[in-house]
Protein backbone atom coordinates (compact mmCIF):
# COMPACT_ATOMS: atom_id res chain seq x y z
CA MET A 1 7.21 7.27 7.62
CA ALA A 2 8.23 5.11 4.68
CA ASP A 3 4.73 3.63 4.70
CA TRP A 4 3.28 7.15 4.52
CA ILE A 5 5.49 7.92 1.50
CA GLY A 6 4.50 4.68 -0.21
CA ALA A 7 0.81 5.37 0.40
CA ALA A 8 1.11 8.92 -0.97
CA LEU A 9 2.90 7.68 -4.09
CA ARG A 10 0.24 5.03 -4.70
CA GLN A 11 -2.53 7.57 -4.12
CA ALA A 12 -0.90 9.74 -6.79
CA GLY A 13 -0.94 6.84 -9.25
CA VAL A 14 2.65 5.65 -8.88
CA GLU A 15 3.36 2.00 -8.17
CA ALA A 16 5.33 1.81 -4.92
CA ASP A 17 6.84 -0.93 -2.82
CA VAL A 18 7.96 -0.21 0.77
CA ARG A 19 10.66 -2.46 2.20
CA PRO A 20 13.19 -2.23 5.01
CA ALA A 21 16.61 -1.38 3.59
CA GLY A 22 18.21 -4.48 5.08
CA GLU A 23 15.82 -6.77 3.20
CA VAL A 24 16.51 -5.43 -0.31
CA GLN A 25 18.80 -7.73 -2.27
CA SER A 26 18.42 -6.18 -5.72
CA LEU A 27 16.98 -3.11 -7.42
CA ASP A 28 16.01 -5.06 -10.53
CA GLY A 29 12.51 -4.11 -11.57
CA TYR A 30 12.58 -0.71 -9.86
CA ASP A 31 12.62 2.47 -11.94
CA ALA A 32 13.29 4.85 -9.04
CA ALA A 33 14.09 4.79 -5.34
CA VAL A 34 13.20 6.75 -2.24
CA VAL A 35 15.64 5.94 0.56
CA GLY A 36 15.37 7.18 4.09
CA GLY A 37 16.49 6.68 7.59
CA ALA A 38 16.23 7.99 11.09
CA LEU A 39 19.02 10.19 12.37
CA TYR A 40 20.92 9.10 15.46
CA GLU A 41 23.58 11.41 16.84
CA GLY A 42 23.84 13.21 13.50
CA ARG A 43 24.13 10.06 11.40
CA TRP A 44 21.68 8.17 9.24
CA HIS A 45 20.48 4.80 10.53
CA ARG A 46 23.05 2.05 9.86
CA GLU A 47 20.78 0.03 7.52
CA ALA A 48 20.14 3.08 5.32
CA ARG A 49 23.88 3.77 5.07
CA ARG A 50 24.62 0.13 4.23
CA PHE A 51 21.84 0.06 1.63
CA VAL A 52 23.17 3.11 -0.19
CA ARG A 53 26.77 1.92 -0.10
CA HIS A 54 25.84 -1.57 -1.32
CA HIS A 55 23.48 -0.40 -4.09
CA ALA A 56 25.26 2.83 -5.08
CA GLY A 57 25.99 1.61 -8.61
CA ASP A 58 22.36 0.69 -9.28
CA LEU A 59 21.00 3.79 -7.56
CA ALA A 60 23.19 6.05 -9.69
CA HIS A 61 21.24 4.89 -12.79
CA ARG A 62 17.79 5.68 -11.36
CA PRO A 63 16.01 8.74 -10.06
CA VAL A 64 16.65 8.81 -6.31
CA TRP A 65 15.21 10.86 -3.46
CA LEU A 66 16.48 10.73 0.11
CA PHE A 67 14.82 11.59 3.39
CA SER A 68 15.84 11.79 7.01
CA SER A 69 13.77 11.67 10.16
CA GLY A 70 15.21 13.19 13.23
CA PRO A 71 14.59 16.50 14.86
CA LEU A 72 12.76 16.07 18.13
CA ASP A 73 11.10 19.44 17.90
CA ASP A 74 9.10 21.46 15.35
CA THR A 75 12.06 22.79 13.33
CA ALA A 76 11.39 20.45 10.39
CA ARG A 77 7.87 21.91 10.10
CA GLU A 78 9.13 25.48 10.35
CA ARG A 79 12.00 25.44 7.85
CA VAL A 80 13.98 23.36 5.39
CA ILE A 81 16.76 21.48 7.15
CA ASP A 82 19.82 20.56 5.13
CA PRO A 83 20.90 16.92 5.17
CA VAL A 84 23.52 15.95 7.71
CA PRO A 85 27.03 15.70 6.17
CA GLY A 86 26.95 11.93 5.60
CA VAL A 87 23.57 12.06 3.86
CA ALA A 88 24.69 15.09 1.83
CA LYS A 89 27.62 13.01 0.53
CA PHE A 90 25.27 10.20 -0.46
CA ALA A 91 22.97 12.71 -2.18
CA GLU A 92 25.88 14.13 -4.15
CA ARG A 93 27.26 10.73 -5.10
CA LEU A 94 23.87 9.49 -6.27
CA HIS A 95 22.82 12.76 -7.91
CA ALA A 96 19.71 12.60 -5.74
CA ARG A 97 16.83 14.66 -7.06
CA GLY A 98 15.93 15.79 -3.59
CA HIS A 99 16.25 15.37 0.13
CA ALA A 100 13.90 16.22 2.97
CA THR A 101 14.39 16.18 6.70
CA PHE A 102 11.21 15.49 8.64
CA GLY A 103 10.53 15.60 12.33
CA GLY A 104 11.29 12.48 14.27
CA ARG A 105 9.74 10.39 16.98
CA LEU A 106 11.14 9.08 20.23
CA ALA A 107 9.09 7.00 22.65
CA PRO A 108 9.26 7.94 26.34
CA ASP A 109 10.35 4.37 27.12
CA ALA A 110 13.07 4.24 24.44
CA LYS A 111 15.62 1.45 24.86
CA GLY A 112 19.36 1.89 24.87
CA PHE A 113 21.53 4.08 27.05
CA MET A 114 21.58 7.25 24.93
CA ALA A 115 18.01 6.94 23.64
CA SER A 116 16.60 6.51 27.13
CA ARG A 117 18.55 9.54 28.40
CA VAL A 118 17.35 11.71 25.51
CA ALA A 119 13.79 10.41 25.92
CA LYS A 120 13.66 11.75 29.46
CA ARG A 121 14.03 15.27 28.02
CA MET A 122 12.74 15.14 24.47
CA SER A 123 10.36 12.26 23.85
CA GLY A 124 7.46 12.87 21.51
CA ASP A 125 6.21 12.49 17.99
CA TYR A 126 7.20 15.41 15.73
CA ARG A 127 6.38 13.75 12.42
CA ASP A 128 3.98 15.62 10.15
CA ARG A 129 2.01 13.23 7.94
CA ASP A 130 0.77 16.05 5.66
CA GLN A 131 4.31 17.35 5.11
CA VAL A 132 5.54 13.86 4.24
CA ALA A 133 2.60 13.25 1.88
CA ALA A 134 3.14 16.59 0.11
CA TRP A 135 6.81 15.76 -0.44
CA ALA A 136 5.90 12.32 -1.84
CA ALA A 137 3.26 13.88 -4.11
CA GLY A 138 6.02 16.05 -5.60
CA ILE A 139 8.06 12.92 -6.32
CA ALA A 140 5.03 11.34 -7.97
CA ARG A 141 4.59 14.39 -10.22
CA GLU A 142 8.22 14.16 -11.33
CA LEU A 143 7.96 10.44 -12.01
CA ARG A 144 4.76 10.83 -14.03
CA ARG A 145 6.33 13.66 -16.10
CA ALA A 146 9.35 11.48 -16.82
CA ALA A 147 7.13 8.58 -17.92
CA VAL A 148 5.37 10.67 -20.59
């Protein structure tokens, strides 16, 4: 999903770099950030949480957008889903300009005790590439307006 967002930003004329949260050592050279993570049991992925905690000071001085990927059904296509409490706290702390929750994906052969149990009932791909691209295009519009 992050790759989709990066591609949509670049298509809209915004320079974008997509990197796993755990690999980012510094935000030097970045004017804005889009941070996201999958939801597991109502919490953002550990690497996303660590990234935001570690870089909170730098993120607070840049435009930031957050996204979550999680629902294993069509609810994210049908309505706006508020961020889970932990992500909402990050959004408030960082003065995030926006948050979106998109549908998730779970492979039928998911590994791990809980994931494999859930996969037996709810596996599937509920991500909507057009929805993600439209959200990223909105970010690009804001960034281009700010650059003028």
